[in-house]
Each structure stands twice: as C-alpha cells, then as structure tokens.
Amino acid sequence: MLAIEVGDMRYRFKLFILVALLAMAQSDLAGAQEGTAERGRAFFQRQCGVCHQVAQPRIGLGPTLQGVIGRTAGSVEGFNYSPALKRSGITWAPEILDRFLADLAALVPDTRMAQRVPDEQKRRDIIQFLATP
C-alpha cells in the first residue's frame, strides 16, 4: 500500500510540474505574439537608437520618434524628410508602422530610411515600445 501511495505522489508531482511548465510556456507565447515594450526598448536602442531618439524630442540622423503613434508622417519640424514621405499622407498607427518597418519602399517608395526590420516579432516589440508613454 505504501508503494502505491509513493508512486501516486510521484505521479501527482510530475503532473503538477508539467502543468506549471505549460502555463509558463503559454504566458511566454502570449507575450511574444503581442510584443513587449521591454524587448522593444532593448532592440530599439541597439538597432534604431543610432538615428532616432524617443526619450527626448531631439532630432538626430532621423527624426525623433517620441509620440510617433498618431502623428502625420513627415511632420517633425526641423527634420529634412524625403519628398515621398512628406506627401505620403500617412498617419502613423501600429499597423502602418508594422508595414513600413517590414518593407519601407513598398509603403513609401523613395523614402530615405534604409533600415528594415524583417522579423515580425521584433517589429511588434518596437511598436509596443513606441506606443508606451
């Protein structure tokens, strides 16, 4: 009888561990699919921060991206945008930013920006970061 109880406890413990691991994996997947501002900030600093600024409304090689969500493309005063971006009529929304970062020239032919972000998850993360006040 004791051997059965010990075996039953081992089974329950293994089942508990399995359920906990599945719950953690599902949580990680949900975060990965949605995008996280923390991952976006880290990637932005490595990949985009050379040209763009978000912490300050400072213009560098690229325009400031502080408050970019909801802003009209080509509208940061003092930055020399390409004529194509100025006349694009785009208002930056998450889905538009995603399309632009995925394939710049497809959305705005003759844009001056050269850095694409082909990885869908990284785009989600960057956009989540840019959307976070």
C-alpha atoms as a PDB file:
ATOM      1  CA  MET A   1       0.000   0.000   0.000  1.00  0.00           C
ATOM      2  CA  LEU A   2       2.833   2.394   0.816  1.00  0.00           C
ATOM      3  CA  ALA A   3       4.477   1.810  -2.603  1.00  0.00           C
ATOM      4  CA  ILE A   4       1.244   2.773  -4.351  1.00  0.00           C
ATOM      5  CA  GLU A   5       0.943   5.972  -2.310  1.00  0.00           C
ATOM      6  CA  VAL A   6       4.559   6.949  -3.034  1.00  0.00           C
ATOM      7  CA  GLY A   7       4.031   6.196  -6.740  1.00  0.00           C
ATOM      8  CA  ASP A   8       0.812   8.209  -6.699  1.00  0.00           C
ATOM      9  CA  MET A   9       2.631  11.156  -5.107  1.00  0.00           C
ATOM     10  CA  ARG A  10       5.349  10.974  -7.766  1.00  0.00           C
ATOM     11  CA  TYR A  11       2.707  10.956 -10.484  1.00  0.00           C
ATOM     12  CA  ARG A  12       0.934  13.954  -8.944  1.00  0.00           C
ATOM     13  CA  PHE A  13       4.222  15.829  -8.578  1.00  0.00           C
ATOM     14  CA  LYS A  14       5.159  15.165 -12.222  1.00  0.00           C
ATOM     15  CA  LEU A  15       1.699  16.249 -13.321  1.00  0.00           C
ATOM     16  CA  PHE A  16       1.977  19.432 -11.252  1.00  0.00           C
ATOM     17  CA  ILE A  17       5.377  20.253 -12.807  1.00  0.00           C
ATOM     18  CA  LEU A  18       4.031  19.596 -16.315  1.00  0.00           C
ATOM     19  CA  VAL A  19       1.021  21.870 -15.776  1.00  0.00           C
ATOM     20  CA  ALA A  20       3.254  24.627 -14.355  1.00  0.00           C
ATOM     21  CA  LEU A  21       5.632  24.396 -17.322  1.00  0.00           C
ATOM     22  CA  LEU A  22       2.751  24.544 -19.797  1.00  0.00           C
ATOM     23  CA  ALA A  23       1.313  27.603 -18.056  1.00  0.00           C
ATOM     24  CA  MET A  24       4.682  29.385 -18.203  1.00  0.00           C
ATOM     25  CA  ALA A  25       5.156  28.488 -21.874  1.00  0.00           C
ATOM     26  CA  GLN A  26       1.687  29.775 -22.755  1.00  0.00           C
ATOM     27  CA  SER A  27       2.378  33.021 -20.916  1.00  0.00           C
ATOM     28  CA  ASP A  28       5.662  33.462 -22.825  1.00  0.00           C
ATOM     29  CA  LEU A  29       3.946  32.777 -26.141  1.00  0.00           C
ATOM     30  CA  ALA A  30       1.213  35.305 -25.457  1.00  0.00           C
ATOM     31  CA  GLY A  31       3.816  37.945 -24.648  1.00  0.00           C
ATOM     32  CA  ALA A  32       5.838  37.040 -27.711  1.00  0.00           C
ATOM     33  CA  GLN A  33       2.882  37.302 -30.074  1.00  0.00           C
ATOM     34  CA  GLU A  34       1.674  40.609 -28.627  1.00  0.00           C
ATOM     35  CA  GLY A  35       5.054  42.267 -28.340  1.00  0.00           C
ATOM     36  CA  THR A  36       6.551  43.743 -25.229  1.00  0.00           C
ATOM     37  CA  ALA A  37       7.797  47.255 -24.645  1.00  0.00           C
ATOM     38  CA  GLU A  38      10.791  45.970 -22.688  1.00  0.00           C
ATOM     39  CA  ARG A  39      12.080  43.853 -25.577  1.00  0.00           C
ATOM     40  CA  GLY A  40      11.205  46.663 -27.969  1.00  0.00           C
ATOM     41  CA  ARG A  41      13.216  49.187 -25.954  1.00  0.00           C
ATOM     42  CA  ALA A  42      16.274  46.928 -25.944  1.00  0.00           C
ATOM     43  CA  PHE A  43      16.057  46.271 -29.689  1.00  0.00           C
ATOM     44  CA  PHE A  44      15.330  49.941 -30.423  1.00  0.00           C
ATOM     45  CA  GLN A  45      18.415  51.028 -28.513  1.00  0.00           C
ATOM     46  CA  ARG A  46      20.620  48.585 -30.450  1.00  0.00           C
ATOM     47  CA  GLN A  47      19.106  48.963 -33.911  1.00  0.00           C
ATOM     48  CA  CYS A  48      17.256  52.279 -34.161  1.00  0.00           C
ATOM     49  CA  GLY A  49      18.786  54.468 -31.471  1.00  0.00           C
ATOM     50  CA  VAL A  50      21.747  55.355 -33.678  1.00  0.00           C
ATOM     51  CA  CYS A  51      19.463  57.564 -35.786  1.00  0.00           C
ATOM     52  CA  HIS A  52      16.281  58.052 -33.731  1.00  0.00           C
ATOM     53  CA  GLN A  53      15.527  59.359 -30.260  1.00  0.00           C
ATOM     54  CA  VAL A  54      12.471  58.726 -28.107  1.00  0.00           C
ATOM     55  CA  ALA A  55      13.495  59.854 -24.634  1.00  0.00           C
ATOM     56  CA  GLN A  56      13.935  63.444 -25.818  1.00  0.00           C
ATOM     57  CA  PRO A  57      12.364  65.392 -28.658  1.00  0.00           C
ATOM     58  CA  ARG A  58      15.802  65.698 -30.289  1.00  0.00           C
ATOM     59  CA  ILE A  59      16.462  65.322 -33.993  1.00  0.00           C
ATOM     60  CA  GLY A  60      19.451  63.187 -34.967  1.00  0.00           C
ATOM     61  CA  LEU A  61      20.168  61.422 -38.230  1.00  0.00           C
ATOM     62  CA  GLY A  62      16.469  60.544 -38.142  1.00  0.00           C
ATOM     63  CA  PRO A  63      13.520  62.408 -36.643  1.00  0.00           C
ATOM     64  CA  THR A  64      12.503  61.988 -33.034  1.00  0.00           C
ATOM     65  CA  LEU A  65      10.015  59.153 -32.601  1.00  0.00           C
ATOM     66  CA  GLN A  66       8.676  60.486 -29.319  1.00  0.00           C
ATOM     67  CA  GLY A  67       4.897  60.468 -29.721  1.00  0.00           C
ATOM     68  CA  VAL A  68       5.058  58.937 -33.203  1.00  0.00           C
ATOM     69  CA  ILE A  69       1.805  56.961 -32.851  1.00  0.00           C
ATOM     70  CA  GLY A  70      -0.959  59.191 -34.226  1.00  0.00           C
ATOM     71  CA  ARG A  71       1.454  61.661 -35.827  1.00  0.00           C
ATOM     72  CA  THR A  72       1.404  62.571 -39.507  1.00  0.00           C
ATOM     73  CA  ALA A  73       4.431  61.233 -41.386  1.00  0.00           C
ATOM     74  CA  GLY A  74       6.956  63.896 -42.312  1.00  0.00           C
ATOM     75  CA  SER A  75       5.733  66.410 -39.741  1.00  0.00           C
ATOM     76  CA  VAL A  76       8.549  66.805 -37.187  1.00  0.00           C
ATOM     77  CA  GLU A  77       9.634  70.396 -37.584  1.00  0.00           C
ATOM     78  CA  GLY A  78      13.296  70.815 -38.450  1.00  0.00           C
ATOM     79  CA  PHE A  79      13.873  67.375 -39.958  1.00  0.00           C
ATOM     80  CA  ASN A  80      14.628  67.089 -43.685  1.00  0.00           C
ATOM     81  CA  TYR A  81      12.245  64.327 -44.795  1.00  0.00           C
ATOM     82  CA  SER A  82      12.183  62.831 -48.261  1.00  0.00           C
ATOM     83  CA  PRO A  83       9.544  64.403 -50.510  1.00  0.00           C
ATOM     84  CA  ALA A  84       7.966  60.944 -50.808  1.00  0.00           C
ATOM     85  CA  LEU A  85       7.376  60.635 -47.065  1.00  0.00           C
ATOM     86  CA  LYS A  86       6.120  64.220 -46.765  1.00  0.00           C
ATOM     87  CA  ARG A  87       3.472  63.680 -49.429  1.00  0.00           C
ATOM     88  CA  SER A  88       2.576  60.111 -48.336  1.00  0.00           C
ATOM     89  CA  GLY A  89      -0.444  61.235 -46.289  1.00  0.00           C
ATOM     90  CA  ILE A  90       0.357  58.560 -43.704  1.00  0.00           C
ATOM     91  CA  THR A  91      -0.672  58.877 -40.081  1.00  0.00           C
ATOM     92  CA  TRP A  92       1.472  56.543 -38.006  1.00  0.00           C
ATOM     93  CA  ALA A  93      -0.658  53.812 -36.438  1.00  0.00           C
ATOM     94  CA  PRO A  94       0.685  50.457 -35.187  1.00  0.00           C
ATOM     95  CA  GLU A  95      -0.425  48.573 -38.324  1.00  0.00           C
ATOM     96  CA  ILE A  96       1.095  51.225 -40.621  1.00  0.00           C
ATOM     97  CA  LEU A  97       4.375  51.221 -38.685  1.00  0.00           C
ATOM     98  CA  ASP A  98       4.441  47.431 -38.992  1.00  0.00           C
ATOM     99  CA  ARG A  99       4.049  47.611 -42.776  1.00  0.00           C
ATOM    100  CA  PHE A 100       6.628  50.396 -43.057  1.00  0.00           C
ATOM    101  CA  LEU A 101       9.260  48.654 -40.936  1.00  0.00           C
ATOM    102  CA  ALA A 102       8.709  45.376 -42.797  1.00  0.00           C
ATOM    103  CA  ASP A 103       9.223  46.875 -46.254  1.00  0.00           C
ATOM    104  CA  LEU A 104       9.931  50.582 -46.320  1.00  0.00           C
ATOM    105  CA  ALA A 105       9.959  51.057 -50.084  1.00  0.00           C
ATOM    106  CA  ALA A 106       6.743  49.108 -50.604  1.00  0.00           C
ATOM    107  CA  LEU A 107       4.825  51.580 -48.454  1.00  0.00           C
ATOM    108  CA  VAL A 108       6.795  54.732 -49.304  1.00  0.00           C
ATOM    109  CA  PRO A 109       8.843  54.436 -52.491  1.00  0.00           C
ATOM    110  CA  ASP A 110      11.888  56.737 -52.427  1.00  0.00           C
ATOM    111  CA  THR A 111      11.982  57.019 -48.645  1.00  0.00           C
ATOM    112  CA  ARG A 112      15.412  57.881 -47.265  1.00  0.00           C
ATOM    113  CA  MET A 113      15.198  55.460 -44.380  1.00  0.00           C
ATOM    114  CA  ALA A 114      17.164  52.340 -45.150  1.00  0.00           C
ATOM    115  CA  GLN A 115      16.866  50.094 -42.089  1.00  0.00           C
ATOM    116  CA  ARG A 116      14.186  47.404 -42.424  1.00  0.00           C
ATOM    117  CA  VAL A 117      13.033  45.136 -39.597  1.00  0.00           C
ATOM    118  CA  PRO A 118      12.136  41.863 -41.330  1.00  0.00           C
ATOM    119  CA  ASP A 119      11.483  39.950 -38.079  1.00  0.00           C
ATOM    120  CA  GLU A 120       7.771  40.215 -37.263  1.00  0.00           C
ATOM    121  CA  GLN A 121       8.253  39.742 -33.510  1.00  0.00           C
ATOM    122  CA  LYS A 122      10.878  42.488 -33.336  1.00  0.00           C
ATOM    123  CA  ARG A 123       8.510  44.836 -35.179  1.00  0.00           C
ATOM    124  CA  ARG A 124       5.747  44.079 -32.671  1.00  0.00           C
ATOM    125  CA  ASP A 125       8.139  44.737 -29.807  1.00  0.00           C
ATOM    126  CA  ILE A 126       9.389  48.031 -31.266  1.00  0.00           C
ATOM    127  CA  ILE A 127       5.852  49.217 -31.956  1.00  0.00           C
ATOM    128  CA  GLN A 128       4.775  48.286 -28.413  1.00  0.00           C
ATOM    129  CA  PHE A 129       7.744  50.283 -27.104  1.00  0.00           C
ATOM    130  CA  LEU A 130       6.914  53.299 -29.279  1.00  0.00           C
ATOM    131  CA  ALA A 131       3.254  53.153 -28.181  1.00  0.00           C
ATOM    132  CA  THR A 132       4.185  53.152 -24.489  1.00  0.00           C
ATOM    133  CA  PRO A 133       4.080  56.636 -22.968  1.00  0.00           C
END
